[in-house]
Amino acid sequence: MRIGIGGLKWRPADFWSSTMTEFFEAINGHNDAQGGETEKSTAAPTENEMAALLARFG
């Protein structure tokens, strides 16, 4: 509900009358429009990236 009303700026009636498919497609569309995650950004860090993160943040 927080995502639908707060994030997507839907009215409560729109949120409650949407199907799960409509809701998740709206989230995906919103994320795409905002430059959402790509396959690269969701991939696990490489060994070198992990080493750099550990060196920087412990």
PDB file of N, CA and C in Angstrom:
ATOM      1  N   MET A   1       0.829  -1.173   0.000  1.00  0.00           N
ATOM      2  CA  MET A   1       0.000   0.000   0.000  1.00  0.00           C
ATOM      3  C   MET A   1       0.883   1.249   0.000  1.00  0.00           C
ATOM      4  N   ARG A   2       1.969   1.209   0.771  1.00  0.00           N
ATOM      5  CA  ARG A   2       2.866   2.360   0.835  1.00  0.00           C
ATOM      6  C   ARG A   2       3.443   2.674  -0.546  1.00  0.00           C
ATOM      7  N   ILE A   3       3.804   1.638  -1.300  1.00  0.00           N
ATOM      8  CA  ILE A   3       4.359   1.857  -2.635  1.00  0.00           C
ATOM      9  C   ILE A   3       3.294   2.417  -3.575  1.00  0.00           C
ATOM     10  N   GLY A   4       2.104   1.840  -3.547  1.00  0.00           N
ATOM     11  CA  GLY A   4       1.047   2.276  -4.450  1.00  0.00           C
ATOM     12  C   GLY A   4       0.612   3.706  -4.207  1.00  0.00           C
ATOM     13  N   ILE A   5       0.392   4.048  -2.954  1.00  0.00           N
ATOM     14  CA  ILE A   5      -0.112   5.386  -2.628  1.00  0.00           C
ATOM     15  C   ILE A   5       1.021   6.395  -2.539  1.00  0.00           C
ATOM     16  N   GLY A   6       2.113   6.020  -1.863  1.00  0.00           N
ATOM     17  CA  GLY A   6       3.220   6.949  -1.692  1.00  0.00           C
ATOM     18  C   GLY A   6       4.141   7.029  -2.891  1.00  0.00           C
ATOM     19  N   GLY A   7       4.580   5.867  -3.373  1.00  0.00           N
ATOM     20  CA  GLY A   7       5.553   5.846  -4.468  1.00  0.00           C
ATOM     21  C   GLY A   7       4.948   6.113  -5.827  1.00  0.00           C
ATOM     22  N   LEU A   8       3.840   5.471  -6.118  1.00  0.00           N
ATOM     23  CA  LEU A   8       3.204   5.629  -7.419  1.00  0.00           C
ATOM     24  C   LEU A   8       2.215   6.790  -7.461  1.00  0.00           C
ATOM     25  N   LYS A   9       1.907   7.348  -6.300  1.00  0.00           N
ATOM     26  CA  LYS A   9       0.972   8.475  -6.175  1.00  0.00           C
ATOM     27  C   LYS A   9      -0.448   8.109  -6.610  1.00  0.00           C
ATOM     28  N   TRP A  10      -0.810   6.852  -6.384  1.00  0.00           N
ATOM     29  CA  TRP A  10      -2.167   6.416  -6.676  1.00  0.00           C
ATOM     30  C   TRP A  10      -3.101   6.879  -5.571  1.00  0.00           C
ATOM     31  N   ARG A  11      -4.364   7.072  -5.922  1.00  0.00           N
ATOM     32  CA  ARG A  11      -5.399   7.292  -4.913  1.00  0.00           C
ATOM     33  C   ARG A  11      -5.688   5.949  -4.256  1.00  0.00           C
ATOM     34  N   PRO A  12      -6.128   5.938  -3.003  1.00  0.00           N
ATOM     35  CA  PRO A  12      -6.442   4.653  -2.364  1.00  0.00           C
ATOM     36  C   PRO A  12      -7.404   3.799  -3.186  1.00  0.00           C
ATOM     37  N   ALA A  13      -8.396   4.422  -3.795  1.00  0.00           N
ATOM     38  CA  ALA A  13      -9.357   3.652  -4.602  1.00  0.00           C
ATOM     39  C   ALA A  13      -8.665   2.971  -5.781  1.00  0.00           C
ATOM     40  N   ASP A  14      -7.677   3.644  -6.385  1.00  0.00           N
ATOM     41  CA  ASP A  14      -6.935   3.038  -7.495  1.00  0.00           C
ATOM     42  C   ASP A  14      -6.113   1.845  -7.007  1.00  0.00           C
ATOM     43  N   PHE A  15      -5.488   2.019  -5.858  1.00  0.00           N
ATOM     44  CA  PHE A  15      -4.699   0.920  -5.296  1.00  0.00           C
ATOM     45  C   PHE A  15      -5.584  -0.285  -5.026  1.00  0.00           C
ATOM     46  N   TRP A  16      -6.676  -0.075  -4.322  1.00  0.00           N
ATOM     47  CA  TRP A  16      -7.523  -1.196  -3.926  1.00  0.00           C
ATOM     48  C   TRP A  16      -8.247  -1.846  -5.096  1.00  0.00           C
ATOM     49  N   SER A  17      -8.459  -1.130  -6.186  1.00  0.00           N
ATOM     50  CA  SER A  17      -9.156  -1.734  -7.323  1.00  0.00           C
ATOM     51  C   SER A  17      -8.200  -2.363  -8.336  1.00  0.00           C
ATOM     52  N   SER A  18      -6.892  -2.202  -8.141  1.00  0.00           N
ATOM     53  CA  SER A  18      -5.938  -2.775  -9.095  1.00  0.00           C
ATOM     54  C   SER A  18      -5.735  -4.261  -8.817  1.00  0.00           C
ATOM     55  N   THR A  19      -5.376  -4.983  -9.873  1.00  0.00           N
ATOM     56  CA  THR A  19      -5.012  -6.388  -9.711  1.00  0.00           C
ATOM     57  C   THR A  19      -3.536  -6.458  -9.333  1.00  0.00           C
ATOM     58  N   MET A  20      -3.091  -7.603  -8.869  1.00  0.00           N
ATOM     59  CA  MET A  20      -1.673  -7.771  -8.552  1.00  0.00           C
ATOM     60  C   MET A  20      -0.814  -7.537  -9.791  1.00  0.00           C
ATOM     61  N   THR A  21      -1.279  -8.018 -10.943  1.00  0.00           N
ATOM     62  CA  THR A  21      -0.531  -7.821 -12.182  1.00  0.00           C
ATOM     63  C   THR A  21      -0.405  -6.337 -12.499  1.00  0.00           C
ATOM     64  N   GLU A  22      -1.491  -5.599 -12.396  1.00  0.00           N
ATOM     65  CA  GLU A  22      -1.444  -4.156 -12.659  1.00  0.00           C
ATOM     66  C   GLU A  22      -0.504  -3.444 -11.687  1.00  0.00           C
ATOM     67  N   PHE A  23      -0.566  -3.824 -10.436  1.00  0.00           N
ATOM     68  CA  PHE A  23       0.267  -3.198  -9.420  1.00  0.00           C
ATOM     69  C   PHE A  23       1.751  -3.427  -9.710  1.00  0.00           C
ATOM     70  N   PHE A  24       2.127  -4.676  -9.962  1.00  0.00           N
ATOM     71  CA  PHE A  24       3.541  -4.970 -10.211  1.00  0.00           C
ATOM     72  C   PHE A  24       4.015  -4.398 -11.542  1.00  0.00           C
ATOM     73  N   GLU A  25       3.161  -4.371 -12.543  1.00  0.00           N
ATOM     74  CA  GLU A  25       3.536  -3.747 -13.806  1.00  0.00           C
ATOM     75  C   GLU A  25       3.723  -2.241 -13.633  1.00  0.00           C
ATOM     76  N   ALA A  26       2.904  -1.627 -12.804  1.00  0.00           N
ATOM     77  CA  ALA A  26       3.068  -0.199 -12.518  1.00  0.00           C
ATOM     78  C   ALA A  26       4.393   0.064 -11.807  1.00  0.00           C
ATOM     79  N   ILE A  27       4.749  -0.798 -10.870  1.00  0.00           N
ATOM     80  CA  ILE A  27       6.042  -0.664 -10.186  1.00  0.00           C
ATOM     81  C   ILE A  27       7.183  -0.822 -11.178  1.00  0.00           C
ATOM     82  N   ASN A  28       7.103  -1.846 -12.028  1.00  0.00           N
ATOM     83  CA  ASN A  28       8.157  -2.052 -13.028  1.00  0.00           C
ATOM     84  C   ASN A  28       8.259  -0.868 -13.976  1.00  0.00           C
ATOM     85  N   GLY A  29       7.139  -0.341 -14.411  1.00  0.00           N
ATOM     86  CA  GLY A  29       7.149   0.822 -15.290  1.00  0.00           C
ATOM     87  C   GLY A  29       7.748   2.040 -14.609  1.00  0.00           C
ATOM     88  N   HIS A  30       7.400   2.239 -13.355  1.00  0.00           N
ATOM     89  CA  HIS A  30       7.948   3.363 -12.589  1.00  0.00           C
ATOM     90  C   HIS A  30       9.462   3.214 -12.449  1.00  0.00           C
ATOM     91  N   ASN A  31       9.911   2.013 -12.107  1.00  0.00           N
ATOM     92  CA  ASN A  31      11.346   1.782 -11.964  1.00  0.00           C
ATOM     93  C   ASN A  31      12.087   1.999 -13.274  1.00  0.00           C
ATOM     94  N   ASP A  32      11.517   1.532 -14.377  1.00  0.00           N
ATOM     95  CA  ASP A  32      12.134   1.753 -15.686  1.00  0.00           C
ATOM     96  C   ASP A  32      12.238   3.242 -16.000  1.00  0.00           C
ATOM     97  N   ALA A  33      11.177   3.977 -15.727  1.00  0.00           N
ATOM     98  CA  ALA A  33      11.156   5.413 -16.013  1.00  0.00           C
ATOM     99  C   ALA A  33      12.167   6.174 -15.163  1.00  0.00           C
ATOM    100  N   GLN A  34      12.474   5.632 -13.997  1.00  0.00           N
ATOM    101  CA  GLN A  34      13.424   6.292 -13.093  1.00  0.00           C
ATOM    102  C   GLN A  34      14.845   5.771 -13.268  1.00  0.00           C
ATOM    103  N   GLY A  35      15.090   5.002 -14.339  1.00  0.00           N
ATOM    104  CA  GLY A  35      16.419   4.442 -14.551  1.00  0.00           C
ATOM    105  C   GLY A  35      16.706   3.289 -13.622  1.00  0.00           C
ATOM    106  N   GLY A  36      15.699   2.460 -13.412  1.00  0.00           N
ATOM    107  CA  GLY A  36      15.792   1.362 -12.458  1.00  0.00           C
ATOM    108  C   GLY A  36      16.922   0.399 -12.726  1.00  0.00           C
ATOM    109  N   GLU A  37      16.936  -0.643 -11.952  1.00  0.00           N
ATOM    110  CA  GLU A  37      18.021  -1.603 -11.989  1.00  0.00           C
ATOM    111  C   GLU A  37      18.165  -2.264 -13.354  1.00  0.00           C
ATOM    112  N   THR A  38      19.405  -2.527 -13.712  1.00  0.00           N
ATOM    113  CA  THR A  38      19.713  -3.287 -14.917  1.00  0.00           C
ATOM    114  C   THR A  38      20.324  -4.609 -14.477  1.00  0.00           C
ATOM    115  N   GLU A  39      20.536  -5.507 -15.418  1.00  0.00           N
ATOM    116  CA  GLU A  39      21.141  -6.786 -15.056  1.00  0.00           C
ATOM    117  C   GLU A  39      22.499  -6.572 -14.408  1.00  0.00           C
ATOM    118  N   LYS A  40      23.278  -5.629 -14.930  1.00  0.00           N
ATOM    119  CA  LYS A  40      24.601  -5.395 -14.371  1.00  0.00           C
ATOM    120  C   LYS A  40      24.509  -4.918 -12.928  1.00  0.00           C
ATOM    121  N   SER A  41      23.550  -4.049 -12.634  1.00  0.00           N
ATOM    122  CA  SER A  41      23.475  -3.507 -11.279  1.00  0.00           C
ATOM    123  C   SER A  41      22.974  -4.533 -10.264  1.00  0.00           C
ATOM    124  N   THR A  42      22.334  -5.599 -10.730  1.00  0.00           N
ATOM    125  CA  THR A  42      21.837  -6.606  -9.811  1.00  0.00           C
ATOM    126  C   THR A  42      22.748  -7.819  -9.732  1.00  0.00           C
ATOM    127  N   ALA A  43      23.816  -7.821 -10.554  1.00  0.00           N
ATOM    128  CA  ALA A  43      24.746  -8.943 -10.525  1.00  0.00           C
ATOM    129  C   ALA A  43      25.589  -8.884  -9.251  1.00  0.00           C
ATOM    130  N   ALA A  44      26.026 -10.034  -8.813  1.00  0.00           N
ATOM    131  CA  ALA A  44      26.894 -10.092  -7.636  1.00  0.00           C
ATOM    132  C   ALA A  44      28.215  -9.386  -7.940  1.00  0.00           C
ATOM    133  N   PRO A  45      28.807  -8.760  -6.934  1.00  0.00           N
ATOM    134  CA  PRO A  45      30.085  -8.093  -7.164  1.00  0.00           C
ATOM    135  C   PRO A  45      31.182  -9.103  -7.524  1.00  0.00           C
ATOM    136  N   THR A  46      32.109  -8.654  -8.343  1.00  0.00           N
ATOM    137  CA  THR A  46      33.249  -9.506  -8.690  1.00  0.00           C
ATOM    138  C   THR A  46      34.186  -9.589  -7.489  1.00  0.00           C
ATOM    139  N   GLU A  47      35.163 -10.469  -7.581  1.00  0.00           N
ATOM    140  CA  GLU A  47      36.132 -10.588  -6.489  1.00  0.00           C
ATOM    141  C   GLU A  47      36.875  -9.267  -6.278  1.00  0.00           C
ATOM    142  N   ASN A  48      37.249  -8.599  -7.365  1.00  0.00           N
ATOM    143  CA  ASN A  48      37.950  -7.320  -7.246  1.00  0.00           C
ATOM    144  C   ASN A  48      37.065  -6.250  -6.614  1.00  0.00           C
ATOM    145  N   GLU A  49      35.786  -6.234  -6.989  1.00  0.00           N
ATOM    146  CA  GLU A  49      34.860  -5.268  -6.392  1.00  0.00           C
ATOM    147  C   GLU A  49      34.680  -5.531  -4.899  1.00  0.00           C
ATOM    148  N   MET A  50      34.584  -6.804  -4.529  1.00  0.00           N
ATOM    149  CA  MET A  50      34.457  -7.152  -3.111  1.00  0.00           C
ATOM    150  C   MET A  50      35.695  -6.742  -2.331  1.00  0.00           C
ATOM    151  N   ALA A  51      36.868  -6.978  -2.907  1.00  0.00           N
ATOM    152  CA  ALA A  51      38.115  -6.605  -2.244  1.00  0.00           C
ATOM    153  C   ALA A  51      38.169  -5.091  -2.030  1.00  0.00           C
ATOM    154  N   ALA A  52      37.732  -4.327  -3.039  1.00  0.00           N
ATOM    155  CA  ALA A  52      37.721  -2.865  -2.913  1.00  0.00           C
ATOM    156  C   ALA A  52      36.741  -2.419  -1.841  1.00  0.00           C
ATOM    157  N   LEU A  53      35.575  -3.056  -1.788  1.00  0.00           N
ATOM    158  CA  LEU A  53      34.580  -2.705  -0.762  1.00  0.00           C
ATOM    159  C   LEU A  53      35.098  -3.034   0.635  1.00  0.00           C
ATOM    160  N   LEU A  54      35.708  -4.190   0.767  1.00  0.00           N
ATOM    161  CA  LEU A  54      36.245  -4.577   2.066  1.00  0.00           C
ATOM    162  C   LEU A  54      37.384  -3.660   2.503  1.00  0.00           C
ATOM    163  N   ALA A  55      38.227  -3.275   1.544  1.00  0.00           N
ATOM    164  CA  ALA A  55      39.318  -2.351   1.879  1.00  0.00           C
ATOM    165  C   ALA A  55      38.780  -0.995   2.313  1.00  0.00           C
ATOM    166  N   ARG A  56      37.690  -0.581   1.674  1.00  0.00           N
ATOM    167  CA  ARG A  56      37.140   0.744   1.979  1.00  0.00           C
ATOM    168  C   ARG A  56      36.294   0.750   3.259  1.00  0.00           C
ATOM    169  N   PHE A  57      35.469  -0.259   3.424  1.00  0.00           N
ATOM    170  CA  PHE A  57      34.498  -0.239   4.519  1.00  0.00           C
ATOM    171  C   PHE A  57      34.769  -1.276   5.612  1.00  0.00           C
ATOM    172  N   GLY A  58      35.750  -2.144   5.389  1.00  0.00           N
ATOM    173  CA  GLY A  58      36.081  -3.135   6.417  1.00  0.00           C
ATOM    174  C   GLY A  58      35.236  -4.296   6.336  1.00  0.00           C
TER     175      GLY A  58
END
